[in-house]
Amino acid sequence: MKKRRAPLLILLLWLSGCSFGDIKPPELTLTINGETVDHRLGTYTWSTGRRGVVADAAAPPLLVKELKPHPAASGAKLHIEFDYRPSTLEAGVWKDDDVDWQPVQHGTITLPKQQGSYIYVIHAAWQEGEAIYACLIRIP
């Protein structure tokens, strides 16, 4: 009996590792004046059917550490588009280890007028789960 359990356990672990790796939230496209803004996917939860995943990630400053800041004019518009529309969408600037979340209207955020580098954090939720995304914007 013990001989049968080991191969079955190994098979189940292998199958679960193969099938759970492809479960991710929808793709995000960020643009400013038609130019794509690089971003990183952070912490998320997602489920489909009877499969699900919970993925933890670093804080937004570490997520965007390797990104080149995207230059933008003061007051420019950051456009947020998903390949699957979220039921709720909010965003804010990372400051002092926190985000002041604001609802996003019509998929657009107006960037600050003040010069500086800003880490924007986007939180989107769907029936299947939720996700955090982060990008780095520089106002010259």
C-alpha atoms as a PDB file:
ATOM      1  CA  MET A   1       0.000   0.000   0.000  1.00  0.00           C
ATOM      2  CA  LYS A   2       2.809   2.462   0.833  1.00  0.00           C
ATOM      3  CA  LYS A   3       4.449   1.819  -2.524  1.00  0.00           C
ATOM      4  CA  ARG A   4       1.344   3.111  -4.326  1.00  0.00           C
ATOM      5  CA  ARG A   5       1.083   6.317  -2.285  1.00  0.00           C
ATOM      6  CA  ALA A   6       4.515   7.704  -3.137  1.00  0.00           C
ATOM      7  CA  PRO A   7       4.118   7.695  -6.953  1.00  0.00           C
ATOM      8  CA  LEU A   8       0.579   9.058  -6.638  1.00  0.00           C
ATOM      9  CA  LEU A   9       1.742  11.852  -4.323  1.00  0.00           C
ATOM     10  CA  ILE A  10       4.600  12.764  -6.664  1.00  0.00           C
ATOM     11  CA  LEU A  11       2.221  12.820  -9.646  1.00  0.00           C
ATOM     12  CA  LEU A  12      -0.281  15.048  -7.815  1.00  0.00           C
ATOM     13  CA  LEU A  13       2.439  17.497  -6.736  1.00  0.00           C
ATOM     14  CA  TRP A  14       3.844  17.636 -10.267  1.00  0.00           C
ATOM     15  CA  LEU A  15       0.403  18.216 -11.815  1.00  0.00           C
ATOM     16  CA  SER A  16      -0.480  20.938  -9.323  1.00  0.00           C
ATOM     17  CA  GLY A  17       2.810  22.711  -9.998  1.00  0.00           C
ATOM     18  CA  CYS A  18       2.198  22.635 -13.742  1.00  0.00           C
ATOM     19  CA  SER A  19      -1.406  23.756 -13.638  1.00  0.00           C
ATOM     20  CA  PHE A  20      -1.262  26.527 -11.053  1.00  0.00           C
ATOM     21  CA  GLY A  21       1.567  28.495 -12.630  1.00  0.00           C
ATOM     22  CA  ASP A  22      -0.596  29.882 -15.429  1.00  0.00           C
ATOM     23  CA  ILE A  23      -3.237  31.512 -13.223  1.00  0.00           C
ATOM     24  CA  LYS A  24      -2.696  35.283 -13.255  1.00  0.00           C
ATOM     25  CA  PRO A  25      -4.820  38.415 -13.238  1.00  0.00           C
ATOM     26  CA  PRO A  26      -5.535  40.313 -16.477  1.00  0.00           C
ATOM     27  CA  GLU A  27      -2.802  42.124 -18.378  1.00  0.00           C
ATOM     28  CA  LEU A  28      -2.495  45.862 -17.755  1.00  0.00           C
ATOM     29  CA  THR A  29      -1.523  48.502 -20.297  1.00  0.00           C
ATOM     30  CA  LEU A  30      -0.463  51.932 -19.046  1.00  0.00           C
ATOM     31  CA  THR A  31       0.046  54.833 -21.461  1.00  0.00           C
ATOM     32  CA  ILE A  32       0.885  58.518 -21.347  1.00  0.00           C
ATOM     33  CA  ASN A  33       0.361  60.425 -24.618  1.00  0.00           C
ATOM     34  CA  GLY A  34       0.241  57.105 -26.477  1.00  0.00           C
ATOM     35  CA  GLU A  35       3.568  55.887 -25.031  1.00  0.00           C
ATOM     36  CA  THR A  36       3.572  52.640 -23.052  1.00  0.00           C
ATOM     37  CA  VAL A  37       4.623  52.943 -19.423  1.00  0.00           C
ATOM     38  CA  ASP A  38       6.553  50.007 -17.938  1.00  0.00           C
ATOM     39  CA  HIS A  39       5.060  48.529 -14.792  1.00  0.00           C
ATOM     40  CA  ARG A  40       5.286  45.489 -12.545  1.00  0.00           C
ATOM     41  CA  LEU A  41       2.665  43.121 -11.212  1.00  0.00           C
ATOM     42  CA  GLY A  42       2.730  42.927  -7.417  1.00  0.00           C
ATOM     43  CA  THR A  43       0.722  40.928  -4.935  1.00  0.00           C
ATOM     44  CA  TYR A  44      -2.364  39.213  -6.331  1.00  0.00           C
ATOM     45  CA  THR A  45      -4.999  36.557  -5.786  1.00  0.00           C
ATOM     46  CA  TRP A  46      -6.734  34.840  -8.680  1.00  0.00           C
ATOM     47  CA  SER A  47      -8.998  31.846  -9.121  1.00  0.00           C
ATOM     48  CA  THR A  48     -10.624  30.192 -12.075  1.00  0.00           C
ATOM     49  CA  GLY A  49     -12.813  27.145 -11.876  1.00  0.00           C
ATOM     50  CA  ARG A  50     -11.521  25.091  -8.980  1.00  0.00           C
ATOM     51  CA  ARG A  51      -7.961  26.386  -9.200  1.00  0.00           C
ATOM     52  CA  GLY A  52      -6.530  29.420  -7.483  1.00  0.00           C
ATOM     53  CA  VAL A  53      -3.336  31.145  -6.534  1.00  0.00           C
ATOM     54  CA  VAL A  54      -2.150  33.699  -3.992  1.00  0.00           C
ATOM     55  CA  ALA A  55       1.093  35.465  -4.905  1.00  0.00           C
ATOM     56  CA  ASP A  56       2.906  37.834  -2.583  1.00  0.00           C
ATOM     57  CA  ALA A  57       5.373  40.415  -3.872  1.00  0.00           C
ATOM     58  CA  ALA A  58       7.723  43.073  -2.588  1.00  0.00           C
ATOM     59  CA  ALA A  59       6.532  46.554  -1.672  1.00  0.00           C
ATOM     60  CA  PRO A  60       6.064  48.943  -4.634  1.00  0.00           C
ATOM     61  CA  PRO A  61       9.459  50.709  -4.231  1.00  0.00           C
ATOM     62  CA  LEU A  62      11.224  47.363  -4.648  1.00  0.00           C
ATOM     63  CA  LEU A  63       8.941  46.329  -7.516  1.00  0.00           C
ATOM     64  CA  VAL A  64       9.888  49.395  -9.574  1.00  0.00           C
ATOM     65  CA  LYS A  65      13.517  49.563  -8.473  1.00  0.00           C
ATOM     66  CA  GLU A  66      14.824  48.243 -11.813  1.00  0.00           C
ATOM     67  CA  LEU A  67      12.455  50.339 -13.940  1.00  0.00           C
ATOM     68  CA  LYS A  68      13.578  53.475 -15.706  1.00  0.00           C
ATOM     69  CA  PRO A  69      11.292  56.359 -14.611  1.00  0.00           C
ATOM     70  CA  HIS A  70       8.855  57.276 -17.367  1.00  0.00           C
ATOM     71  CA  PRO A  71       9.065  61.034 -18.067  1.00  0.00           C
ATOM     72  CA  ALA A  72       5.754  62.876 -18.242  1.00  0.00           C
ATOM     73  CA  ALA A  73       4.657  66.491 -18.408  1.00  0.00           C
ATOM     74  CA  SER A  74       3.069  67.968 -15.307  1.00  0.00           C
ATOM     75  CA  GLY A  75      -0.669  67.386 -15.330  1.00  0.00           C
ATOM     76  CA  ALA A  76      -0.445  64.712 -18.067  1.00  0.00           C
ATOM     77  CA  LYS A  77      -2.933  61.834 -18.098  1.00  0.00           C
ATOM     78  CA  LEU A  78      -1.994  58.263 -17.215  1.00  0.00           C
ATOM     79  CA  HIS A  79      -4.391  55.893 -19.012  1.00  0.00           C
ATOM     80  CA  ILE A  80      -5.154  52.514 -17.456  1.00  0.00           C
ATOM     81  CA  GLU A  81      -6.500  49.690 -19.597  1.00  0.00           C
ATOM     82  CA  PHE A  82      -6.994  46.010 -18.808  1.00  0.00           C
ATOM     83  CA  ASP A  83      -7.767  43.218 -21.230  1.00  0.00           C
ATOM     84  CA  TYR A  84     -10.618  42.333 -18.839  1.00  0.00           C
ATOM     85  CA  ARG A  85     -12.389  45.264 -17.168  1.00  0.00           C
ATOM     86  CA  PRO A  86     -12.178  45.263 -13.349  1.00  0.00           C
ATOM     87  CA  SER A  87     -15.223  45.791 -11.155  1.00  0.00           C
ATOM     88  CA  THR A  88     -13.283  48.265  -8.995  1.00  0.00           C
ATOM     89  CA  LEU A  89     -10.216  50.323  -9.802  1.00  0.00           C
ATOM     90  CA  GLU A  90      -8.280  52.611  -7.492  1.00  0.00           C
ATOM     91  CA  ALA A  91      -4.822  54.144  -7.515  1.00  0.00           C
ATOM     92  CA  GLY A  92      -2.526  56.380  -5.545  1.00  0.00           C
ATOM     93  CA  VAL A  93       1.030  57.517  -4.997  1.00  0.00           C
ATOM     94  CA  TRP A  94       3.261  55.477  -2.695  1.00  0.00           C
ATOM     95  CA  LYS A  95       4.479  57.773   0.083  1.00  0.00           C
ATOM     96  CA  ASP A  96       5.865  56.966   3.530  1.00  0.00           C
ATOM     97  CA  ASP A  97       5.100  53.241   3.155  1.00  0.00           C
ATOM     98  CA  ASP A  98       1.448  53.873   2.365  1.00  0.00           C
ATOM     99  CA  VAL A  99      -0.947  54.760  -0.457  1.00  0.00           C
ATOM    100  CA  ASP A 100      -3.802  57.264  -0.322  1.00  0.00           C
ATOM    101  CA  TRP A 101      -6.200  55.259  -2.497  1.00  0.00           C
ATOM    102  CA  GLN A 102      -8.501  57.210  -4.813  1.00  0.00           C
ATOM    103  CA  PRO A 103     -11.130  55.759  -7.165  1.00  0.00           C
ATOM    104  CA  VAL A 104     -10.071  55.902 -10.819  1.00  0.00           C
ATOM    105  CA  GLN A 105     -12.680  57.506 -13.056  1.00  0.00           C
ATOM    106  CA  HIS A 106     -12.851  56.518 -16.737  1.00  0.00           C
ATOM    107  CA  GLY A 107      -9.486  54.714 -16.532  1.00  0.00           C
ATOM    108  CA  THR A 108      -7.513  57.970 -16.251  1.00  0.00           C
ATOM    109  CA  ILE A 109      -5.286  59.509 -13.597  1.00  0.00           C
ATOM    110  CA  THR A 110      -4.138  63.126 -13.774  1.00  0.00           C
ATOM    111  CA  LEU A 111      -0.455  63.289 -12.853  1.00  0.00           C
ATOM    112  CA  PRO A 112       0.868  65.897 -10.383  1.00  0.00           C
ATOM    113  CA  LYS A 113       2.027  69.343 -11.460  1.00  0.00           C
ATOM    114  CA  GLN A 114       5.001  69.312  -9.071  1.00  0.00           C
ATOM    115  CA  GLN A 115       8.372  68.032 -10.245  1.00  0.00           C
ATOM    116  CA  GLY A 116       9.595  64.751  -8.812  1.00  0.00           C
ATOM    117  CA  SER A 117       9.520  60.985  -9.073  1.00  0.00           C
ATOM    118  CA  TYR A 118       6.304  59.210  -8.189  1.00  0.00           C
ATOM    119  CA  ILE A 119       5.558  55.546  -7.607  1.00  0.00           C
ATOM    120  CA  TYR A 120       1.983  54.971  -8.733  1.00  0.00           C
ATOM    121  CA  VAL A 121       0.226  51.938  -7.304  1.00  0.00           C
ATOM    122  CA  ILE A 122      -2.881  50.565  -8.979  1.00  0.00           C
ATOM    123  CA  HIS A 123      -5.315  48.199  -7.285  1.00  0.00           C
ATOM    124  CA  ALA A 124      -7.882  46.394  -9.417  1.00  0.00           C
ATOM    125  CA  ALA A 125     -10.500  43.851  -8.348  1.00  0.00           C
ATOM    126  CA  TRP A 126     -12.573  41.362 -10.306  1.00  0.00           C
ATOM    127  CA  GLN A 127     -14.932  38.581  -9.266  1.00  0.00           C
ATOM    128  CA  GLU A 128     -12.006  36.138  -9.697  1.00  0.00           C
ATOM    129  CA  GLY A 129      -9.551  38.071  -7.521  1.00  0.00           C
ATOM    130  CA  GLU A 130      -7.518  41.228  -7.209  1.00  0.00           C
ATOM    131  CA  ALA A 131      -4.087  42.581  -8.069  1.00  0.00           C
ATOM    132  CA  ILE A 132      -1.631  45.373  -7.342  1.00  0.00           C
ATOM    133  CA  TYR A 133       0.488  46.939 -10.108  1.00  0.00           C
ATOM    134  CA  ALA A 134       3.190  49.607  -9.764  1.00  0.00           C
ATOM    135  CA  CYS A 135       4.952  52.038 -12.101  1.00  0.00           C
ATOM    136  CA  LEU A 136       7.480  54.849 -11.781  1.00  0.00           C
ATOM    137  CA  ILE A 137       6.739  58.297 -13.238  1.00  0.00           C
ATOM    138  CA  ARG A 138       9.068  61.318 -13.303  1.00  0.00           C
ATOM    139  CA  ILE A 139       7.795  64.861 -13.750  1.00  0.00           C
ATOM    140  CA  PRO A 140      10.808  66.943 -14.918  1.00  0.00           C
END
